[in-house]
Amino acid sequence: MSTNITRGEWQRPAAADAGAAGGAPKIKIRNLTKQFKTRDGVFTAVDNVSIDIESGSFFTIVGPSGCGKTTLLRILAGLEETTSGTVDVARDGGTRPVNSMVFQGDSLFPWMTVWDNAAYGLKMRRVPERQIREVVGHYLDRTGLTKFYQAYPHQLSGGMRQRVSIARAFANDPEILLMDEPFSALDEQNRTLLQEELLRIWDETKKTVLFITHSVDEAVTLSDKIMIMTAHPGRTKVILDVPFERPRKVIELRAEPEYGEMVYRIWGYLREEVQQAKAQAEMAGVKS
């Protein structure tokens, strides 16, 4: 899968990626295995994972620490190679980049303003300046950053910096948005606000999203489907449909009895894997 940014004219984001009507998956992963060579031998991070991610859907992966969630995301981003198996992305035939990634920590350029950070992908693609102004202005408005467009990252709170990262990712108009625990370092209030903003922008764009999180609440709030991974080595334990209608309001949704039932159900699957991961970590500490 190529992750090279294609240069060309900016295209207004469509309501959903092409191909959704035909039912074909946007991302098709088959028998994916990723191994790393270490001084102690071969370490299998992801083992024989096969999943389909539908075009325009919000797909979330949860699992214990060390189960290979981020490794899987990095493979999709083109930052890691598979050891075996395949990853196929159904391109829409346009000039948009394949993906943009929102990381867990700060990924902004500290010497650039909010505006220049948000516009970075578009400038690299040599999009006309008029279109850059239109697109970046739109997403800074959607993320509540218009008044701060001349500020630098060190002048912003952690939550505001993540808003810039989200604005930059959506402004670049990728076919796929990859998000690696983007809200994990934030306090609960900011986390909830950003979840609401992400839902609002996603409802507008219907991007294909692959989202990584440790938070079961976050997964249920945001997702169409949730994949639970096993403890190391990371395998698919179960994939669940999230039945709640869209658009969603975070606080209102969490007040529904069905929401609590869904969270409880996922924890039922996840508890054993978390305990297994803890036992593995303790054993590794004894051996070292």
C-alpha atoms as a PDB file:
ATOM      1  CA  MET A   1       0.000   0.000   0.000  1.00  0.00           C
ATOM      2  CA  SER A   2       1.482   3.301  -1.070  1.00  0.00           C
ATOM      3  CA  THR A   3       1.374   6.216   1.337  1.00  0.00           C
ATOM      4  CA  ASN A   4       2.953   8.767  -0.991  1.00  0.00           C
ATOM      5  CA  ILE A   5       1.086  12.071  -1.074  1.00  0.00           C
ATOM      6  CA  THR A   6      -0.309  12.676  -4.536  1.00  0.00           C
ATOM      7  CA  ARG A   7       0.029  16.219  -5.820  1.00  0.00           C
ATOM      8  CA  GLY A   8      -2.970  17.747  -7.525  1.00  0.00           C
ATOM      9  CA  GLU A   9      -6.068  19.885  -7.214  1.00  0.00           C
ATOM     10  CA  TRP A  10      -7.906  19.879  -3.912  1.00  0.00           C
ATOM     11  CA  GLN A  11     -11.268  18.106  -4.026  1.00  0.00           C
ATOM     12  CA  ARG A  12     -14.103  18.994  -1.675  1.00  0.00           C
ATOM     13  CA  PRO A  13     -14.649  16.093   0.743  1.00  0.00           C
ATOM     14  CA  ALA A  14     -17.441  13.796  -0.359  1.00  0.00           C
ATOM     15  CA  ALA A  15     -20.126  12.525   1.993  1.00  0.00           C
ATOM     16  CA  ALA A  16     -18.504   9.092   1.868  1.00  0.00           C
ATOM     17  CA  ASP A  17     -15.676   7.386   0.071  1.00  0.00           C
ATOM     18  CA  ALA A  18     -16.365   5.927  -3.327  1.00  0.00           C
ATOM     19  CA  GLY A  19     -17.249   2.258  -3.321  1.00  0.00           C
ATOM     20  CA  ALA A  20     -19.469   2.300  -0.253  1.00  0.00           C
ATOM     21  CA  ALA A  21     -22.616   1.692  -2.278  1.00  0.00           C
ATOM     22  CA  GLY A  22     -21.198  -1.485  -3.728  1.00  0.00           C
ATOM     23  CA  GLY A  23     -20.538  -2.931  -0.287  1.00  0.00           C
ATOM     24  CA  ALA A  24     -16.842  -3.638  -0.945  1.00  0.00           C
ATOM     25  CA  PRO A  25     -14.566  -2.962   2.035  1.00  0.00           C
ATOM     26  CA  LYS A  26     -12.378   0.120   1.965  1.00  0.00           C
ATOM     27  CA  ILE A  27      -9.656  -1.765   3.842  1.00  0.00           C
ATOM     28  CA  LYS A  28      -9.215  -5.513   3.529  1.00  0.00           C
ATOM     29  CA  ILE A  29      -6.658  -7.188   5.787  1.00  0.00           C
ATOM     30  CA  ARG A  30      -5.933 -10.871   5.286  1.00  0.00           C
ATOM     31  CA  ASN A  31      -3.811 -13.160   7.486  1.00  0.00           C
ATOM     32  CA  LEU A  32      -1.620 -10.275   8.630  1.00  0.00           C
ATOM     33  CA  THR A  33       1.314 -11.212  10.826  1.00  0.00           C
ATOM     34  CA  LYS A  34       4.038  -8.889  12.068  1.00  0.00           C
ATOM     35  CA  GLN A  35       7.186 -10.155  13.762  1.00  0.00           C
ATOM     36  CA  PHE A  36      10.195  -8.306  15.141  1.00  0.00           C
ATOM     37  CA  LYS A  37      13.667  -9.735  15.671  1.00  0.00           C
ATOM     38  CA  THR A  38      14.960  -9.130  19.189  1.00  0.00           C
ATOM     39  CA  ARG A  39      18.017 -10.283  21.104  1.00  0.00           C
ATOM     40  CA  ASP A  40      15.832 -12.944  22.709  1.00  0.00           C
ATOM     41  CA  GLY A  41      14.489 -14.233  19.390  1.00  0.00           C
ATOM     42  CA  VAL A  42      11.474 -13.484  17.235  1.00  0.00           C
ATOM     43  CA  PHE A  43       8.679 -11.433  18.808  1.00  0.00           C
ATOM     44  CA  THR A  44       5.224 -11.782  17.203  1.00  0.00           C
ATOM     45  CA  ALA A  45       3.309  -8.532  17.683  1.00  0.00           C
ATOM     46  CA  VAL A  46       0.297  -9.289  15.448  1.00  0.00           C
ATOM     47  CA  ASP A  47      -0.703 -12.827  14.535  1.00  0.00           C
ATOM     48  CA  ASN A  48      -2.885 -13.831  11.573  1.00  0.00           C
ATOM     49  CA  VAL A  49      -5.373 -10.936  11.715  1.00  0.00           C
ATOM     50  CA  SER A  50      -8.075 -10.723   9.027  1.00  0.00           C
ATOM     51  CA  ILE A  51     -10.623  -7.886   9.037  1.00  0.00           C
ATOM     52  CA  ASP A  52     -12.747  -5.829   6.647  1.00  0.00           C
ATOM     53  CA  ILE A  53     -13.349  -2.120   7.261  1.00  0.00           C
ATOM     54  CA  GLU A  54     -16.259  -0.693   5.306  1.00  0.00           C
ATOM     55  CA  SER A  55     -15.963   2.540   3.371  1.00  0.00           C
ATOM     56  CA  GLY A  56     -17.109   5.547   5.385  1.00  0.00           C
ATOM     57  CA  SER A  57     -17.259   3.613   8.664  1.00  0.00           C
ATOM     58  CA  PHE A  58     -15.742   4.302  12.080  1.00  0.00           C
ATOM     59  CA  PHE A  59     -13.821   1.170  13.125  1.00  0.00           C
ATOM     60  CA  THR A  60     -12.192   1.001  16.566  1.00  0.00           C
ATOM     61  CA  ILE A  61      -9.688  -1.456  18.003  1.00  0.00           C
ATOM     62  CA  VAL A  62      -9.375  -2.021  21.758  1.00  0.00           C
ATOM     63  CA  GLY A  63      -7.159  -4.409  23.615  1.00  0.00           C
ATOM     64  CA  PRO A  64      -4.631  -4.652  26.443  1.00  0.00           C
ATOM     65  CA  SER A  65      -1.271  -2.902  26.313  1.00  0.00           C
ATOM     66  CA  GLY A  66       1.202  -4.693  24.070  1.00  0.00           C
ATOM     67  CA  CYS A  67      -1.430  -6.470  21.952  1.00  0.00           C
ATOM     68  CA  GLY A  68      -0.260  -4.946  18.663  1.00  0.00           C
ATOM     69  CA  LYS A  69      -2.915  -2.242  18.161  1.00  0.00           C
ATOM     70  CA  THR A  70      -0.445   0.491  17.271  1.00  0.00           C
ATOM     71  CA  THR A  71       1.667  -1.893  15.196  1.00  0.00           C
ATOM     72  CA  LEU A  72      -1.381  -2.673  13.075  1.00  0.00           C
ATOM     73  CA  LEU A  73      -2.060   1.039  12.638  1.00  0.00           C
ATOM     74  CA  ARG A  74       1.545   1.734  11.663  1.00  0.00           C
ATOM     75  CA  ILE A  75       1.358  -0.959   8.999  1.00  0.00           C
ATOM     76  CA  LEU A  76      -1.713   0.706   7.529  1.00  0.00           C
ATOM     77  CA  ALA A  77       0.122   4.051   7.638  1.00  0.00           C
ATOM     78  CA  GLY A  78       3.021   2.559   5.703  1.00  0.00           C
ATOM     79  CA  LEU A  79       5.409   3.021   8.648  1.00  0.00           C
ATOM     80  CA  GLU A  80       5.940  -0.735   9.104  1.00  0.00           C
ATOM     81  CA  GLU A  81       6.058  -3.656   6.687  1.00  0.00           C
ATOM     82  CA  THR A  82       4.075  -6.853   7.185  1.00  0.00           C
ATOM     83  CA  THR A  83       5.944 -10.095   7.844  1.00  0.00           C
ATOM     84  CA  SER A  84       3.216 -11.985   6.018  1.00  0.00           C
ATOM     85  CA  GLY A  85      -0.347 -11.402   4.882  1.00  0.00           C
ATOM     86  CA  THR A  86      -1.846  -8.582   2.843  1.00  0.00           C
ATOM     87  CA  VAL A  87      -3.369  -5.133   3.298  1.00  0.00           C
ATOM     88  CA  ASP A  88      -5.489  -3.854   0.412  1.00  0.00           C
ATOM     89  CA  VAL A  89      -7.036  -0.397   0.186  1.00  0.00           C
ATOM     90  CA  ALA A  90      -9.739   0.312  -2.400  1.00  0.00           C
ATOM     91  CA  ARG A  91      -8.644   3.661  -3.841  1.00  0.00           C
ATOM     92  CA  ASP A  92     -11.291   6.106  -5.027  1.00  0.00           C
ATOM     93  CA  GLY A  93      -9.406   7.077  -8.181  1.00  0.00           C
ATOM     94  CA  GLY A  94      -8.922  10.697  -7.131  1.00  0.00           C
ATOM     95  CA  THR A  95      -5.839  12.657  -6.147  1.00  0.00           C
ATOM     96  CA  ARG A  96      -6.338  12.574  -2.380  1.00  0.00           C
ATOM     97  CA  PRO A  97      -3.661  11.053  -0.113  1.00  0.00           C
ATOM     98  CA  VAL A  98      -4.313   7.516   1.078  1.00  0.00           C
ATOM     99  CA  ASN A  99      -4.251   8.388   4.765  1.00  0.00           C
ATOM    100  CA  SER A 100      -3.504  10.930   7.460  1.00  0.00           C
ATOM    101  CA  MET A 101      -2.550   9.978  11.004  1.00  0.00           C
ATOM    102  CA  VAL A 102      -3.338  11.602  14.350  1.00  0.00           C
ATOM    103  CA  PHE A 103      -0.869  10.470  16.994  1.00  0.00           C
ATOM    104  CA  GLN A 104      -1.178   9.979  20.737  1.00  0.00           C
ATOM    105  CA  GLY A 105       1.254  12.754  21.646  1.00  0.00           C
ATOM    106  CA  ASP A 106       2.131  16.103  20.163  1.00  0.00           C
ATOM    107  CA  SER A 107       2.910  15.868  16.462  1.00  0.00           C
ATOM    108  CA  LEU A 108       2.720  19.554  15.563  1.00  0.00           C
ATOM    109  CA  PHE A 109       5.637  21.520  14.185  1.00  0.00           C
ATOM    110  CA  PRO A 110       6.576  23.835  17.082  1.00  0.00           C
ATOM    111  CA  TRP A 111       7.963  26.549  14.780  1.00  0.00           C
ATOM    112  CA  MET A 112       4.691  26.790  12.818  1.00  0.00           C
ATOM    113  CA  THR A 113       1.503  28.636  13.728  1.00  0.00           C
ATOM    114  CA  VAL A 114      -1.840  26.906  14.128  1.00  0.00           C
ATOM    115  CA  TRP A 115      -2.733  27.960  10.596  1.00  0.00           C
ATOM    116  CA  ASP A 116       0.494  26.687   9.042  1.00  0.00           C
ATOM    117  CA  ASN A 117       0.292  23.378  10.918  1.00  0.00           C
ATOM    118  CA  ALA A 118      -3.273  22.821   9.713  1.00  0.00           C
ATOM    119  CA  ALA A 119      -2.322  23.780   6.148  1.00  0.00           C
ATOM    120  CA  TYR A 120       0.852  21.675   6.014  1.00  0.00           C
ATOM    121  CA  GLY A 121      -0.493  18.680   4.073  1.00  0.00           C
ATOM    122  CA  LEU A 122      -2.247  20.873   1.532  1.00  0.00           C
ATOM    123  CA  LYS A 123       0.880  22.961   0.970  1.00  0.00           C
ATOM    124  CA  MET A 124       2.964  19.816   0.441  1.00  0.00           C
ATOM    125  CA  ARG A 125       0.465  18.788  -2.229  1.00  0.00           C
ATOM    126  CA  ARG A 126       0.750  22.258  -3.821  1.00  0.00           C
ATOM    127  CA  VAL A 127      -2.937  22.964  -3.507  1.00  0.00           C
ATOM    128  CA  PRO A 128      -3.793  26.502  -4.711  1.00  0.00           C
ATOM    129  CA  GLU A 129      -3.630  29.126  -1.967  1.00  0.00           C
ATOM    130  CA  ARG A 130      -7.264  30.134  -2.389  1.00  0.00           C
ATOM    131  CA  GLN A 131      -8.386  26.583  -1.726  1.00  0.00           C
ATOM    132  CA  ILE A 132      -6.033  26.261   1.240  1.00  0.00           C
ATOM    133  CA  ARG A 133      -7.621  29.341   2.808  1.00  0.00           C
ATOM    134  CA  GLU A 134     -11.092  27.897   2.276  1.00  0.00           C
ATOM    135  CA  VAL A 135     -10.342  24.429   3.626  1.00  0.00           C
ATOM    136  CA  VAL A 136      -8.146  25.404   6.572  1.00  0.00           C
ATOM    137  CA  GLY A 137     -10.530  28.183   7.554  1.00  0.00           C
ATOM    138  CA  HIS A 138     -13.395  25.695   7.548  1.00  0.00           C
ATOM    139  CA  TYR A 139     -11.691  23.152   9.803  1.00  0.00           C
ATOM    140  CA  LEU A 140     -10.261  25.710  12.210  1.00  0.00           C
ATOM    141  CA  ASP A 141     -13.810  26.988  12.585  1.00  0.00           C
ATOM    142  CA  ARG A 142     -15.157  23.454  13.120  1.00  0.00           C
ATOM    143  CA  THR A 143     -12.579  22.807  15.838  1.00  0.00           C
ATOM    144  CA  GLY A 144     -12.994  26.204  17.545  1.00  0.00           C
ATOM    145  CA  LEU A 145      -9.506  27.429  16.669  1.00  0.00           C
ATOM    146  CA  THR A 146     -10.236  30.398  14.415  1.00  0.00           C
ATOM    147  CA  LYS A 147      -9.244  32.956  17.068  1.00  0.00           C
ATOM    148  CA  PHE A 148      -5.945  31.142  17.652  1.00  0.00           C
ATOM    149  CA  TYR A 149      -4.786  30.780  14.052  1.00  0.00           C
ATOM    150  CA  GLN A 150      -1.637  32.869  14.695  1.00  0.00           C
ATOM    151  CA  ALA A 151      -0.706  31.071  17.927  1.00  0.00           C
ATOM    152  CA  TYR A 152       2.174  28.615  18.238  1.00  0.00           C
ATOM    153  CA  PRO A 153       1.815  25.129  19.785  1.00  0.00           C
ATOM    154  CA  HIS A 154       3.614  26.092  23.015  1.00  0.00           C
ATOM    155  CA  GLN A 155       0.931  28.737  23.601  1.00  0.00           C
ATOM    156  CA  LEU A 156      -1.882  26.164  23.496  1.00  0.00           C
ATOM    157  CA  SER A 157      -3.243  23.644  25.968  1.00  0.00           C
ATOM    158  CA  GLY A 158      -2.912  19.922  25.269  1.00  0.00           C
ATOM    159  CA  GLY A 159      -6.531  19.741  24.189  1.00  0.00           C
ATOM    160  CA  MET A 160      -6.133  22.632  21.779  1.00  0.00           C
ATOM    161  CA  ARG A 161      -3.007  21.086  20.264  1.00  0.00           C
ATOM    162  CA  GLN A 162      -4.959  17.905  19.583  1.00  0.00           C
ATOM    163  CA  ARG A 163      -7.674  20.006  17.942  1.00  0.00           C
ATOM    164  CA  VAL A 164      -5.016  21.358  15.586  1.00  0.00           C
ATOM    165  CA  SER A 165      -3.916  17.788  14.800  1.00  0.00           C
ATOM    166  CA  ILE A 166      -7.503  16.831  14.002  1.00  0.00           C
ATOM    167  CA  ALA A 167      -8.021  19.929  11.855  1.00  0.00           C
ATOM    168  CA  ARG A 168      -4.799  19.165   9.954  1.00  0.00           C
ATOM    169  CA  ALA A 169      -5.821  15.561   9.340  1.00  0.00           C
ATOM    170  CA  PHE A 170      -9.297  16.402   8.043  1.00  0.00           C
ATOM    171  CA  ALA A 171      -8.049  19.386   6.014  1.00  0.00           C
ATOM    172  CA  ASN A 172      -5.680  17.090   4.119  1.00  0.00           C
ATOM    173  CA  ASP A 173      -8.801  15.190   2.975  1.00  0.00           C
ATOM    174  CA  PRO A 174      -7.366  11.663   3.135  1.00  0.00           C
ATOM    175  CA  GLU A 175      -9.280   8.599   2.068  1.00  0.00           C
ATOM    176  CA  ILE A 176      -8.552   7.010   5.460  1.00  0.00           C
ATOM    177  CA  LEU A 177      -8.023   8.654   8.853  1.00  0.00           C
ATOM    178  CA  LEU A 178      -5.797   6.737  11.293  1.00  0.00           C
ATOM    179  CA  MET A 179      -6.035   7.785  14.951  1.00  0.00           C
ATOM    180  CA  ASP A 180      -3.743   6.323  17.621  1.00  0.00           C
ATOM    181  CA  GLU A 181      -5.197   7.082  21.080  1.00  0.00           C
ATOM    182  CA  PRO A 182      -5.426  10.790  20.228  1.00  0.00           C
ATOM    183  CA  PHE A 183      -7.225  11.782  23.445  1.00  0.00           C
ATOM    184  CA  SER A 184      -5.492   9.528  25.985  1.00  0.00           C
ATOM    185  CA  ALA A 185      -3.377  12.279  27.579  1.00  0.00           C
ATOM    186  CA  LEU A 186      -6.309  14.651  28.122  1.00  0.00           C
ATOM    187  CA  ASP A 187      -8.457  15.183  31.193  1.00  0.00           C
ATOM    188  CA  GLU A 188     -12.009  13.859  31.127  1.00  0.00           C
ATOM    189  CA  GLN A 189     -13.662  17.187  30.302  1.00  0.00           C
ATOM    190  CA  ASN A 190     -11.406  17.945  27.336  1.00  0.00           C
ATOM    191  CA  ARG A 191     -11.630  14.363  26.186  1.00  0.00           C
ATOM    192  CA  THR A 192     -15.434  14.544  26.077  1.00  0.00           C
ATOM    193  CA  LEU A 193     -15.373  17.856  24.216  1.00  0.00           C
ATOM    194  CA  LEU A 194     -12.997  16.500  21.599  1.00  0.00           C
ATOM    195  CA  GLN A 195     -15.040  13.339  21.180  1.00  0.00           C
ATOM    196  CA  GLU A 196     -18.070  15.528  20.450  1.00  0.00           C
ATOM    197  CA  GLU A 197     -16.090  17.601  17.953  1.00  0.00           C
ATOM    198  CA  LEU A 198     -14.736  14.496  16.249  1.00  0.00           C
ATOM    199  CA  LEU A 199     -18.232  13.028  15.948  1.00  0.00           C
ATOM    200  CA  ARG A 200     -19.547  16.268  14.478  1.00  0.00           C
ATOM    201  CA  ILE A 201     -16.789  16.502  11.857  1.00  0.00           C
ATOM    202  CA  TRP A 202     -17.010  12.797  11.049  1.00  0.00           C
ATOM    203  CA  ASP A 203     -20.778  13.070  10.529  1.00  0.00           C
ATOM    204  CA  GLU A 204     -20.032  15.848   8.038  1.00  0.00           C
ATOM    205  CA  THR A 205     -17.270  14.055   6.104  1.00  0.00           C
ATOM    206  CA  LYS A 206     -17.969  10.319   6.622  1.00  0.00           C
ATOM    207  CA  LYS A 207     -14.281   9.494   6.474  1.00  0.00           C
ATOM    208  CA  THR A 208     -13.182   5.898   6.822  1.00  0.00           C
ATOM    209  CA  VAL A 209     -11.633   5.951  10.320  1.00  0.00           C
ATOM    210  CA  LEU A 210      -9.479   3.391  12.090  1.00  0.00           C
ATOM    211  CA  PHE A 211      -9.277   4.426  15.752  1.00  0.00           C
ATOM    212  CA  ILE A 212      -7.118   2.928  18.522  1.00  0.00           C
ATOM    213  CA  THR A 213      -8.057   3.363  22.177  1.00  0.00           C
ATOM    214  CA  HIS A 214      -7.775   1.754  25.601  1.00  0.00           C
ATOM    215  CA  SER A 215     -11.080   3.332  26.642  1.00  0.00           C
ATOM    216  CA  VAL A 216     -14.161   1.144  26.271  1.00  0.00           C
ATOM    217  CA  ASP A 217     -16.384   4.198  26.829  1.00  0.00           C
ATOM    218  CA  GLU A 218     -14.657   6.022  23.990  1.00  0.00           C
ATOM    219  CA  ALA A 219     -14.936   3.034  21.665  1.00  0.00           C
ATOM    220  CA  VAL A 220     -18.674   2.641  22.238  1.00  0.00           C
ATOM    221  CA  THR A 221     -19.295   6.381  21.931  1.00  0.00           C
ATOM    222  CA  LEU A 222     -17.555   6.811  18.585  1.00  0.00           C
ATOM    223  CA  SER A 223     -17.704   3.557  16.670  1.00  0.00           C
ATOM    224  CA  ASP A 224     -19.722   1.584  14.151  1.00  0.00           C
ATOM    225  CA  LYS A 225     -17.710  -1.571  14.858  1.00  0.00           C
ATOM    226  CA  ILE A 226     -15.304  -2.516  17.650  1.00  0.00           C
ATOM    227  CA  MET A 227     -12.615  -5.171  17.363  1.00  0.00           C
ATOM    228  CA  ILE A 228     -11.262  -6.596  20.606  1.00  0.00           C
ATOM    229  CA  MET A 229      -7.732  -7.963  20.380  1.00  0.00           C
ATOM    230  CA  THR A 230      -6.206 -10.664  22.536  1.00  0.00           C
ATOM    231  CA  ALA A 231      -3.180 -10.253  24.743  1.00  0.00           C
ATOM    232  CA  HIS A 232       0.177 -10.869  23.079  1.00  0.00           C
ATOM    233  CA  PRO A 233       0.366 -12.068  20.415  1.00  0.00           C
ATOM    234  CA  GLY A 234      -2.386  -9.816  19.091  1.00  0.00           C
ATOM    235  CA  ARG A 235      -5.200 -11.713  17.420  1.00  0.00           C
ATOM    236  CA  THR A 236      -8.832 -10.893  16.709  1.00  0.00           C
ATOM    237  CA  LYS A 237     -10.949 -12.054  19.640  1.00  0.00           C
ATOM    238  CA  VAL A 238     -14.306 -10.662  18.503  1.00  0.00           C
ATOM    239  CA  ILE A 239     -15.753  -7.898  16.333  1.00  0.00           C
ATOM    240  CA  LEU A 240     -18.934  -6.257  17.608  1.00  0.00           C
ATOM    241  CA  ASP A 241     -21.468  -3.969  15.921  1.00  0.00           C
ATOM    242  CA  VAL A 242     -22.346  -0.801  17.836  1.00  0.00           C
ATOM    243  CA  PRO A 243     -26.146  -0.446  17.486  1.00  0.00           C
ATOM    244  CA  PHE A 244     -26.651   3.223  18.396  1.00  0.00           C
ATOM    245  CA  GLU A 245     -28.061   5.578  15.780  1.00  0.00           C
ATOM    246  CA  ARG A 246     -26.240   8.618  14.462  1.00  0.00           C
ATOM    247  CA  PRO A 247     -25.782  11.489  14.947  1.00  0.00           C
ATOM    248  CA  ARG A 248     -24.746  10.914  18.560  1.00  0.00           C
ATOM    249  CA  LYS A 249     -24.395  13.210  21.538  1.00  0.00           C
ATOM    250  CA  VAL A 250     -21.766  11.978  23.975  1.00  0.00           C
ATOM    251  CA  ILE A 251     -23.440  12.798  27.325  1.00  0.00           C
ATOM    252  CA  GLU A 252     -26.945  11.847  26.176  1.00  0.00           C
ATOM    253  CA  LEU A 253     -25.733   8.526  24.786  1.00  0.00           C
ATOM    254  CA  ARG A 254     -23.939   7.606  27.986  1.00  0.00           C
ATOM    255  CA  ALA A 255     -27.148   8.152  29.959  1.00  0.00           C
ATOM    256  CA  GLU A 256     -28.922   5.390  28.011  1.00  0.00           C
ATOM    257  CA  PRO A 257     -29.243   1.962  29.712  1.00  0.00           C
ATOM    258  CA  GLU A 258     -28.253   0.236  26.457  1.00  0.00           C
ATOM    259  CA  TYR A 259     -24.968   2.119  26.508  1.00  0.00           C
ATOM    260  CA  GLY A 260     -24.037   0.705  29.903  1.00  0.00           C
ATOM    261  CA  GLU A 261     -25.008  -2.769  28.732  1.00  0.00           C
ATOM    262  CA  MET A 262     -22.721  -2.449  25.707  1.00  0.00           C
ATOM    263  CA  VAL A 263     -19.792  -1.271  27.842  1.00  0.00           C
ATOM    264  CA  TYR A 264     -20.355  -4.143  30.268  1.00  0.00           C
ATOM    265  CA  ARG A 265     -20.469  -6.641  27.407  1.00  0.00           C
ATOM    266  CA  ILE A 266     -17.160  -5.422  25.966  1.00  0.00           C
ATOM    267  CA  TRP A 267     -15.484  -5.523  29.362  1.00  0.00           C
ATOM    268  CA  GLY A 268     -16.627  -9.127  29.624  1.00  0.00           C
ATOM    269  CA  TYR A 269     -14.561  -9.930  26.534  1.00  0.00           C
ATOM    270  CA  LEU A 270     -11.664  -7.665  27.482  1.00  0.00           C
ATOM    271  CA  ARG A 271     -11.170  -8.538  31.159  1.00  0.00           C
ATOM    272  CA  GLU A 272      -9.515 -11.905  30.504  1.00  0.00           C
ATOM    273  CA  GLU A 273      -7.124 -10.370  27.970  1.00  0.00           C
ATOM    274  CA  VAL A 274      -6.098  -7.563  30.319  1.00  0.00           C
ATOM    275  CA  GLN A 275      -5.398 -10.081  33.063  1.00  0.00           C
ATOM    276  CA  GLN A 276      -3.375 -12.200  30.641  1.00  0.00           C
ATOM    277  CA  ALA A 277      -1.340  -9.177  29.540  1.00  0.00           C
ATOM    278  CA  LYS A 278      -0.635  -8.304  33.175  1.00  0.00           C
ATOM    279  CA  ALA A 279       0.563 -11.853  33.856  1.00  0.00           C
ATOM    280  CA  GLN A 280       2.821 -11.705  30.788  1.00  0.00           C
ATOM    281  CA  ALA A 281       4.331  -8.410  31.959  1.00  0.00           C
ATOM    282  CA  GLU A 282       4.965  -9.795  35.434  1.00  0.00           C
ATOM    283  CA  MET A 283       6.604 -12.910  33.990  1.00  0.00           C
ATOM    284  CA  ALA A 284       8.819 -10.795  31.748  1.00  0.00           C
ATOM    285  CA  GLY A 285       9.880  -8.778  34.800  1.00  0.00           C
ATOM    286  CA  VAL A 286      10.851 -11.967  36.672  1.00  0.00           C
ATOM    287  CA  LYS A 287      12.909 -13.216  33.690  1.00  0.00           C
ATOM    288  CA  SER A 288      14.760  -9.928  33.288  1.00  0.00           C
END
